[in-house]
Amino acid sequence: MLKLFLKGKYLYHVLQKRHNELLQQDCLCEELRLKFKVKAIYHRSKAVELGSRI
């Protein structure tokens, strides 16, 4: 049961990372681009952390 929960969290962070990367590419404002980049980095680190625990 715990593995299923961890896999769900892992997939959530992977999808959020991809979503923020796409928003970052389409963004025209440098301030928003930086904000999306920071969010993508956060979700990538959480996905790596969860991936190592699975």
Protein backbone atom coordinates (compact mmCIF):
# COMPACT_ATOMS: atom_id res chain seq x y z
CA MET A 1 0.00 0.00 0.00
CA LEU A 2 2.84 2.37 0.83
CA LYS A 3 4.53 1.67 -2.51
CA LEU A 4 1.35 2.56 -4.36
CA PHE A 5 1.13 5.86 -2.47
CA LEU A 6 4.79 6.64 -3.19
CA LYS A 7 4.32 5.86 -6.90
CA GLY A 8 1.34 8.22 -6.99
CA LYS A 9 3.34 11.01 -5.40
CA TYR A 10 6.23 10.28 -7.77
CA LEU A 11 3.99 10.54 -10.84
CA TYR A 12 2.43 13.76 -9.51
CA HIS A 13 5.85 15.41 -9.19
CA VAL A 14 6.98 14.17 -12.61
CA LEU A 15 3.84 15.60 -14.24
CA GLN A 16 4.16 18.90 -12.37
CA LYS A 17 7.82 19.17 -13.44
CA ARG A 18 6.89 18.65 -17.09
CA HIS A 19 3.99 21.08 -16.81
CA ASN A 20 6.18 23.82 -15.32
CA GLU A 21 8.87 23.23 -17.96
CA LEU A 22 6.28 23.68 -20.72
CA LEU A 23 4.96 26.85 -19.10
CA GLN A 24 8.52 28.11 -18.79
CA GLN A 25 9.15 27.61 -22.50
CA ASP A 26 5.98 29.44 -23.52
CA CYS A 27 6.36 32.30 -21.07
CA LEU A 28 7.33 35.75 -22.34
CA CYS A 29 7.96 37.42 -18.98
CA GLU A 30 11.39 36.72 -17.49
CA GLU A 31 10.04 36.95 -13.94
CA LEU A 32 7.42 34.26 -14.57
CA ARG A 33 9.94 32.14 -16.49
CA LEU A 34 12.21 32.15 -13.44
CA LYS A 35 9.28 31.28 -11.17
CA PHE A 36 8.36 28.27 -13.34
CA LYS A 37 12.00 27.20 -13.48
CA VAL A 38 12.23 27.18 -9.68
CA LYS A 39 9.02 25.15 -9.43
CA ALA A 40 10.31 22.66 -12.02
CA ILE A 41 13.56 22.24 -10.10
CA TYR A 42 11.62 21.62 -6.88
CA HIS A 43 9.40 18.97 -8.48
CA ARG A 44 12.41 17.32 -10.13
CA SER A 45 14.19 17.01 -6.77
CA LYS A 46 11.07 15.57 -5.12
CA ALA A 47 10.64 13.07 -7.98
CA VAL A 48 14.26 11.94 -7.64
CA GLU A 49 13.84 11.61 -3.87
CA LEU A 50 10.66 9.56 -4.22
CA GLY A 51 12.10 7.51 -7.07
CA SER A 52 14.96 6.40 -4.87
CA ARG A 53 12.52 5.29 -2.14
CA ILE A 54 10.39 3.15 -4.49
